[in-house]
Amino acid sequence: PVSNAEFATMIVSAWYPAERELVQKHMSI
């Protein structure tokens, strides 16, 4: 079964990698 984390990573990797880069720079990870 695909998890919440895995599916979010799939969608963001495919369509929104630039937005994720901003989150990585400006938010707590």
PDB file of all heavy atoms in Angstrom:
ATOM      1  N   PRO A   1       0.838  -1.211   0.000  1.00  0.00           N
ATOM      2  CA  PRO A   1       0.000   0.000   0.000  1.00  0.00           C
ATOM      3  C   PRO A   1       0.867   1.252   0.000  1.00  0.00           C
ATOM      4  O   PRO A   1       1.885   1.319   0.703  1.00  0.00           O
ATOM      5  CB  PRO A   1      -0.801  -0.121   1.299  1.00  0.00           C
ATOM      6  CG  PRO A   1      -0.842  -1.593   1.578  1.00  0.00           C
ATOM      7  CD  PRO A   1       0.495  -2.116   1.118  1.00  0.00           C
ATOM      8  N   VAL A   2       0.487   2.250  -0.781  1.00  0.00           N
ATOM      9  CA  VAL A   2       1.252   3.494  -0.846  1.00  0.00           C
ATOM     10  C   VAL A   2       0.817   4.395   0.311  1.00  0.00           C
ATOM     11  O   VAL A   2      -0.367   4.517   0.615  1.00  0.00           O
ATOM     12  CB  VAL A   2       1.057   4.197  -2.210  1.00  0.00           C
ATOM     13  CG1 VAL A   2      -0.380   4.632  -2.430  1.00  0.00           C
ATOM     14  CG2 VAL A   2       2.008   5.365  -2.353  1.00  0.00           C
ATOM     15  N   SER A   3       1.780   4.986   0.986  1.00  0.00           N
ATOM     16  CA  SER A   3       1.493   5.799   2.172  1.00  0.00           C
ATOM     17  C   SER A   3       1.242   7.260   1.795  1.00  0.00           C
ATOM     18  O   SER A   3       1.493   7.692   0.665  1.00  0.00           O
ATOM     19  CB  SER A   3       2.667   5.721   3.151  1.00  0.00           C
ATOM     20  OG  SER A   3       3.807   6.382   2.602  1.00  0.00           O
ATOM     21  N   ASN A   4       0.759   8.024   2.766  1.00  0.00           N
ATOM     22  CA  ASN A   4       0.592   9.461   2.561  1.00  0.00           C
ATOM     23  C   ASN A   4       1.911  10.099   2.140  1.00  0.00           C
ATOM     24  O   ASN A   4       1.952  10.915   1.211  1.00  0.00           O
ATOM     25  CB  ASN A   4       0.098  10.125   3.854  1.00  0.00           C
ATOM     26  CG  ASN A   4      -1.357   9.840   4.148  1.00  0.00           C
ATOM     27  OD1 ASN A   4      -2.232  10.052   3.320  1.00  0.00           O
ATOM     28  ND2 ASN A   4      -1.625   9.359   5.361  1.00  0.00           N
ATOM     29  N   ALA A   5       2.986   9.744   2.838  1.00  0.00           N
ATOM     30  CA  ALA A   5       4.295  10.321   2.538  1.00  0.00           C
ATOM     31  C   ALA A   5       4.758   9.950   1.137  1.00  0.00           C
ATOM     32  O   ALA A   5       5.278  10.789   0.392  1.00  0.00           O
ATOM     33  CB  ALA A   5       5.319   9.854   3.580  1.00  0.00           C
ATOM     34  N   GLU A   6       4.586   8.693   0.777  1.00  0.00           N
ATOM     35  CA  GLU A   6       5.036   8.243  -0.544  1.00  0.00           C
ATOM     36  C   GLU A   6       4.243   8.903  -1.665  1.00  0.00           C
ATOM     37  O   GLU A   6       4.818   9.354  -2.669  1.00  0.00           O
ATOM     38  CB  GLU A   6       4.927   6.718  -0.634  1.00  0.00           C
ATOM     39  CG  GLU A   6       5.935   5.977   0.221  1.00  0.00           C
ATOM     40  CD  GLU A   6       5.658   4.481   0.276  1.00  0.00           C
ATOM     41  OE1 GLU A   6       4.469   4.082   0.218  1.00  0.00           O
ATOM     42  OE2 GLU A   6       6.632   3.709   0.407  1.00  0.00           O
ATOM     43  N   PHE A   7       2.929   8.983  -1.508  1.00  0.00           N
ATOM     44  CA  PHE A   7       2.123   9.561  -2.591  1.00  0.00           C
ATOM     45  C   PHE A   7       2.390  11.057  -2.718  1.00  0.00           C
ATOM     46  O   PHE A   7       2.469  11.582  -3.834  1.00  0.00           O
ATOM     47  CB  PHE A   7       0.641   9.301  -2.359  1.00  0.00           C
ATOM     48  CG  PHE A   7      -0.194   9.627  -3.563  1.00  0.00           C
ATOM     49  CD1 PHE A   7      -0.016   8.935  -4.753  1.00  0.00           C
ATOM     50  CD2 PHE A   7      -1.144  10.640  -3.525  1.00  0.00           C
ATOM     51  CE1 PHE A   7      -0.779   9.237  -5.879  1.00  0.00           C
ATOM     52  CE2 PHE A   7      -1.916  10.945  -4.639  1.00  0.00           C
ATOM     53  CZ  PHE A   7      -1.725  10.249  -5.825  1.00  0.00           C
ATOM     54  N   ALA A   8       2.540  11.745  -1.594  1.00  0.00           N
ATOM     55  CA  ALA A   8       2.880  13.170  -1.663  1.00  0.00           C
ATOM     56  C   ALA A   8       4.220  13.367  -2.359  1.00  0.00           C
ATOM     57  O   ALA A   8       4.379  14.275  -3.192  1.00  0.00           O
ATOM     58  CB  ALA A   8       2.923  13.766  -0.258  1.00  0.00           C
ATOM     59  N   THR A   9       5.186  12.514  -2.048  1.00  0.00           N
ATOM     60  CA  THR A   9       6.503  12.621  -2.674  1.00  0.00           C
ATOM     61  C   THR A   9       6.421  12.362  -4.174  1.00  0.00           C
ATOM     62  O   THR A   9       7.073  13.038  -4.968  1.00  0.00           O
ATOM     63  CB  THR A   9       7.485  11.633  -2.014  1.00  0.00           C
ATOM     64  OG1 THR A   9       7.586  11.943  -0.615  1.00  0.00           O
ATOM     65  CG2 THR A   9       8.859  11.736  -2.646  1.00  0.00           C
ATOM     66  N   MET A  10       5.617  11.385  -4.573  1.00  0.00           N
ATOM     67  CA  MET A  10       5.453  11.089  -5.998  1.00  0.00           C
ATOM     68  C   MET A  10       4.873  12.285  -6.756  1.00  0.00           C
ATOM     69  O   MET A  10       5.396  12.710  -7.793  1.00  0.00           O
ATOM     70  CB  MET A  10       4.548   9.873  -6.180  1.00  0.00           C
ATOM     71  CG  MET A  10       5.131   8.559  -5.696  1.00  0.00           C
ATOM     72  SD  MET A  10       3.895   7.217  -5.804  1.00  0.00           S
ATOM     73  CE  MET A  10       4.832   5.839  -5.144  1.00  0.00           C
ATOM     74  N   ILE A  11       3.772  12.836  -6.233  1.00  0.00           N
ATOM     75  CA  ILE A  11       3.098  13.952  -6.897  1.00  0.00           C
ATOM     76  C   ILE A  11       3.995  15.180  -6.949  1.00  0.00           C
ATOM     77  O   ILE A  11       4.132  15.845  -7.989  1.00  0.00           O
ATOM     78  CB  ILE A  11       1.777  14.295  -6.174  1.00  0.00           C
ATOM     79  CG1 ILE A  11       0.728  13.206  -6.422  1.00  0.00           C
ATOM     80  CG2 ILE A  11       1.242  15.649  -6.621  1.00  0.00           C
ATOM     81  CD1 ILE A  11       0.163  13.197  -7.824  1.00  0.00           C
ATOM     82  N   VAL A  12       4.622  15.507  -5.843  1.00  0.00           N
ATOM     83  CA  VAL A  12       5.473  16.698  -5.789  1.00  0.00           C
ATOM     84  C   VAL A  12       6.713  16.521  -6.655  1.00  0.00           C
ATOM     85  O   VAL A  12       7.144  17.458  -7.334  1.00  0.00           O
ATOM     86  CB  VAL A  12       5.837  17.027  -4.330  1.00  0.00           C
ATOM     87  CG1 VAL A  12       6.888  18.127  -4.267  1.00  0.00           C
ATOM     88  CG2 VAL A  12       4.595  17.448  -3.556  1.00  0.00           C
ATOM     89  N   SER A  13       7.293  15.334  -6.664  1.00  0.00           N
ATOM     90  CA  SER A  13       8.466  15.081  -7.507  1.00  0.00           C
ATOM     91  C   SER A  13       8.122  15.239  -8.982  1.00  0.00           C
ATOM     92  O   SER A  13       8.930  15.741  -9.773  1.00  0.00           O
ATOM     93  CB  SER A  13       9.012  13.674  -7.255  1.00  0.00           C
ATOM     94  OG  SER A  13       9.488  13.541  -5.934  1.00  0.00           O
ATOM     95  N   ALA A  14       6.920  14.820  -9.355  1.00  0.00           N
ATOM     96  CA  ALA A  14       6.513  14.872 -10.758  1.00  0.00           C
ATOM     97  C   ALA A  14       6.120  16.266 -11.211  1.00  0.00           C
ATOM     98  O   ALA A  14       6.406  16.665 -12.339  1.00  0.00           O
ATOM     99  CB  ALA A  14       5.359  13.898 -11.004  1.00  0.00           C
ATOM    100  N   TRP A  15       5.475  17.038 -10.336  1.00  0.00           N
ATOM    101  CA  TRP A  15       4.854  18.285 -10.777  1.00  0.00           C
ATOM    102  C   TRP A  15       5.327  19.538 -10.060  1.00  0.00           C
ATOM    103  O   TRP A  15       5.274  20.628 -10.644  1.00  0.00           O
ATOM    104  CB  TRP A  15       3.330  18.171 -10.602  1.00  0.00           C
ATOM    105  CG  TRP A  15       2.714  17.180 -11.525  1.00  0.00           C
ATOM    106  CD1 TRP A  15       2.537  15.838 -11.288  1.00  0.00           C
ATOM    107  CD2 TRP A  15       2.226  17.402 -12.844  1.00  0.00           C
ATOM    108  NE1 TRP A  15       1.960  15.231 -12.372  1.00  0.00           N
ATOM    109  CE2 TRP A  15       1.756  16.173 -13.349  1.00  0.00           C
ATOM    110  CE3 TRP A  15       2.132  18.533 -13.659  1.00  0.00           C
ATOM    111  CZ2 TRP A  15       1.202  16.038 -14.610  1.00  0.00           C
ATOM    112  CZ3 TRP A  15       1.579  18.409 -14.915  1.00  0.00           C
ATOM    113  CH2 TRP A  15       1.119  17.166 -15.382  1.00  0.00           C
ATOM    114  N   TYR A  16       5.766  19.434  -8.837  1.00  0.00           N
ATOM    115  CA  TYR A  16       6.056  20.652  -8.075  1.00  0.00           C
ATOM    116  C   TYR A  16       7.424  20.623  -7.373  1.00  0.00           C
ATOM    117  O   TYR A  16       7.542  20.988  -6.200  1.00  0.00           O
ATOM    118  CB  TYR A  16       4.952  20.883  -7.038  1.00  0.00           C
ATOM    119  CG  TYR A  16       3.577  20.882  -7.643  1.00  0.00           C
ATOM    120  CD1 TYR A  16       2.718  19.790  -7.471  1.00  0.00           C
ATOM    121  CD2 TYR A  16       3.134  21.949  -8.416  1.00  0.00           C
ATOM    122  CE1 TYR A  16       1.454  19.785  -8.050  1.00  0.00           C
ATOM    123  CE2 TYR A  16       1.872  21.941  -8.999  1.00  0.00           C
ATOM    124  CZ  TYR A  16       1.039  20.853  -8.814  1.00  0.00           C
ATOM    125  OH  TYR A  16      -0.203  20.847  -9.394  1.00  0.00           O
ATOM    126  N   PRO A  17       8.488  20.228  -8.063  1.00  0.00           N
ATOM    127  CA  PRO A  17       9.801  20.182  -7.410  1.00  0.00           C
ATOM    128  C   PRO A  17      10.319  21.561  -7.005  1.00  0.00           C
ATOM    129  O   PRO A  17      11.012  21.685  -5.991  1.00  0.00           O
ATOM    130  CB  PRO A  17      10.701  19.534  -8.472  1.00  0.00           C
ATOM    131  CG  PRO A  17      10.021  19.826  -9.775  1.00  0.00           C
ATOM    132  CD  PRO A  17       8.556  19.780  -9.475  1.00  0.00           C
ATOM    133  N   ALA A  18      10.018  22.595  -7.776  1.00  0.00           N
ATOM    134  CA  ALA A  18      10.494  23.942  -7.441  1.00  0.00           C
ATOM    135  C   ALA A  18       9.867  24.441  -6.147  1.00  0.00           C
ATOM    136  O   ALA A  18      10.536  25.068  -5.309  1.00  0.00           O
ATOM    137  CB  ALA A  18      10.196  24.905  -8.588  1.00  0.00           C
ATOM    138  N   GLU A  19       8.574  24.168  -5.965  1.00  0.00           N
ATOM    139  CA  GLU A  19       7.905  24.567  -4.740  1.00  0.00           C
ATOM    140  C   GLU A  19       8.498  23.837  -3.538  1.00  0.00           C
ATOM    141  O   GLU A  19       8.650  24.413  -2.454  1.00  0.00           O
ATOM    142  CB  GLU A  19       6.403  24.275  -4.847  1.00  0.00           C
ATOM    143  CG  GLU A  19       5.641  25.244  -5.732  1.00  0.00           C
ATOM    144  CD  GLU A  19       5.675  24.861  -7.197  1.00  0.00           C
ATOM    145  OE1 GLU A  19       6.558  24.079  -7.601  1.00  0.00           O
ATOM    146  OE2 GLU A  19       4.810  25.347  -7.954  1.00  0.00           O
ATOM    147  N   ARG A  20       8.845  22.568  -3.728  1.00  0.00           N
ATOM    148  CA  ARG A  20       9.455  21.800  -2.627  1.00  0.00           C
ATOM    149  C   ARG A  20      10.812  22.381  -2.248  1.00  0.00           C
ATOM    150  O   ARG A  20      11.175  22.418  -1.063  1.00  0.00           O
ATOM    151  CB  ARG A  20       9.593  20.331  -3.017  1.00  0.00           C
ATOM    152  CG  ARG A  20      10.178  19.453  -1.902  1.00  0.00           C
ATOM    153  CD  ARG A  20      10.083  17.983  -2.230  1.00  0.00           C
ATOM    154  NE  ARG A  20      10.717  17.655  -3.494  1.00  0.00           N
ATOM    155  CZ  ARG A  20      10.546  16.495  -4.144  1.00  0.00           C
ATOM    156  NH1 ARG A  20       9.747  15.574  -3.630  1.00  0.00           N
ATOM    157  NH2 ARG A  20      11.152  16.276  -5.289  1.00  0.00           N
ATOM    158  N   GLU A  21      11.572  22.831  -3.229  1.00  0.00           N
ATOM    159  CA  GLU A  21      12.869  23.438  -2.926  1.00  0.00           C
ATOM    160  C   GLU A  21      12.710  24.658  -2.031  1.00  0.00           C
ATOM    161  O   GLU A  21      13.511  24.881  -1.115  1.00  0.00           O
ATOM    162  CB  GLU A  21      13.578  23.822  -4.228  1.00  0.00           C
ATOM    163  CG  GLU A  21      14.102  22.640  -5.023  1.00  0.00           C
ATOM    164  CD  GLU A  21      14.829  23.072  -6.280  1.00  0.00           C
ATOM    165  OE1 GLU A  21      15.054  24.294  -6.437  1.00  0.00           O
ATOM    166  OE2 GLU A  21      15.163  22.201  -7.097  1.00  0.00           O
ATOM    167  N   LEU A  22      11.670  25.449  -2.278  1.00  0.00           N
ATOM    168  CA  LEU A  22      11.418  26.614  -1.424  1.00  0.00           C
ATOM    169  C   LEU A  22      11.058  26.198  -0.007  1.00  0.00           C
ATOM    170  O   LEU A  22      11.512  26.799   0.971  1.00  0.00           O
ATOM    171  CB  LEU A  22      10.287  27.454  -2.018  1.00  0.00           C
ATOM    172  CG  LEU A  22      10.654  28.384  -3.173  1.00  0.00           C
ATOM    173  CD1 LEU A  22       9.433  29.153  -3.640  1.00  0.00           C
ATOM    174  CD2 LEU A  22      11.748  29.348  -2.761  1.00  0.00           C
ATOM    175  N   VAL A  23      10.228  25.164   0.113  1.00  0.00           N
ATOM    176  CA  VAL A  23       9.858  24.666   1.433  1.00  0.00           C
ATOM    177  C   VAL A  23      11.099  24.176   2.175  1.00  0.00           C
ATOM    178  O   VAL A  23      11.279  24.441   3.367  1.00  0.00           O
ATOM    179  CB  VAL A  23       8.806  23.544   1.312  1.00  0.00           C
ATOM    180  CG1 VAL A  23       8.616  22.842   2.657  1.00  0.00           C
ATOM    181  CG2 VAL A  23       7.477  24.111   0.832  1.00  0.00           C
ATOM    182  N   GLN A  24      11.978  23.482   1.468  1.00  0.00           N
ATOM    183  CA  GLN A  24      13.201  22.975   2.091  1.00  0.00           C
ATOM    184  C   GLN A  24      14.087  24.110   2.594  1.00  0.00           C
ATOM    185  O   GLN A  24      14.768  23.983   3.614  1.00  0.00           O
ATOM    186  CB  GLN A  24      13.963  22.102   1.096  1.00  0.00           C
ATOM    187  CG  GLN A  24      13.275  20.772   0.806  1.00  0.00           C
ATOM    188  CD  GLN A  24      13.922  20.018  -0.347  1.00  0.00           C
ATOM    189  OE1 GLN A  24      14.443  20.624  -1.291  1.00  0.00           O
ATOM    190  NE2 GLN A  24      13.878  18.699  -0.279  1.00  0.00           N
ATOM    191  N   LYS A  25      14.079  25.235   1.888  1.00  0.00           N
ATOM    192  CA  LYS A  25      14.927  26.367   2.273  1.00  0.00           C
ATOM    193  C   LYS A  25      14.344  27.169   3.426  1.00  0.00           C
ATOM    194  O   LYS A  25      15.086  27.734   4.235  1.00  0.00           O
ATOM    195  CB  LYS A  25      15.130  27.293   1.074  1.00  0.00           C
ATOM    196  CG  LYS A  25      16.016  26.727  -0.030  1.00  0.00           C
ATOM    197  CD  LYS A  25      16.138  27.720  -1.180  1.00  0.00           C
ATOM    198  CE  LYS A  25      16.994  27.158  -2.304  1.00  0.00           C
ATOM    199  NZ  LYS A  25      17.087  28.107  -3.457  1.00  0.00           N
ATOM    200  N   HIS A  26      13.019  27.237   3.505  1.00  0.00           N
ATOM    201  CA  HIS A  26      12.395  28.189   4.416  1.00  0.00           C
ATOM    202  C   HIS A  26      11.615  27.567   5.563  1.00  0.00           C
ATOM    203  O   HIS A  26      11.141  28.301   6.436  1.00  0.00           O
ATOM    204  CB  HIS A  26      11.452  29.101   3.632  1.00  0.00           C
ATOM    205  CG  HIS A  26      12.143  29.945   2.608  1.00  0.00           C
ATOM    206  ND1 HIS A  26      12.853  31.079   2.931  1.00  0.00           N
ATOM    207  CD2 HIS A  26      12.260  29.803   1.263  1.00  0.00           C
ATOM    208  CE1 HIS A  26      13.350  31.618   1.837  1.00  0.00           C
ATOM    209  NE2 HIS A  26      13.009  30.863   0.808  1.00  0.00           N
ATOM    210  N   MET A  27      11.469  26.251   5.583  1.00  0.00           N
ATOM    211  CA  MET A  27      10.664  25.630   6.631  1.00  0.00           C
ATOM    212  C   MET A  27      11.459  24.545   7.345  1.00  0.00           C
ATOM    213  O   MET A  27      12.453  24.025   6.825  1.00  0.00           O
ATOM    214  CB  MET A  27       9.379  25.049   6.042  1.00  0.00           C
ATOM    215  CG  MET A  27       8.513  26.087   5.347  1.00  0.00           C
ATOM    216  SD  MET A  27       6.846  25.496   4.993  1.00  0.00           S
ATOM    217  CE  MET A  27       6.148  25.499   6.639  1.00  0.00           C
ATOM    218  N   SER A  28      11.013  24.211   8.526  1.00  0.00           N
ATOM    219  CA  SER A  28      11.676  23.182   9.325  1.00  0.00           C
ATOM    220  C   SER A  28      11.423  21.799   8.724  1.00  0.00           C
ATOM    221  O   SER A  28      10.274  21.421   8.469  1.00  0.00           O
ATOM    222  CB  SER A  28      11.141  23.227  10.755  1.00  0.00           C
ATOM    223  OG  SER A  28      11.639  22.141  11.509  1.00  0.00           O
ATOM    224  N   ILE A  29      12.500  21.057   8.493  1.00  0.00           N
ATOM    225  CA  ILE A  29      12.408  19.713   7.921  1.00  0.00           C
ATOM    226  C   ILE A  29      13.030  18.728   8.899  1.00  0.00           C
ATOM    227  O   ILE A  29      14.240  18.752   9.150  1.00  0.00           O
ATOM    228  CB  ILE A  29      13.137  19.629   6.560  1.00  0.00           C
ATOM    229  CG1 ILE A  29      12.610  20.678   5.589  1.00  0.00           C
ATOM    230  CG2 ILE A  29      12.998  18.223   5.986  1.00  0.00           C
ATOM    231  CD1 ILE A  29      11.150  20.545   5.255  1.00  0.00           C
TER     232      ILE A  29
END
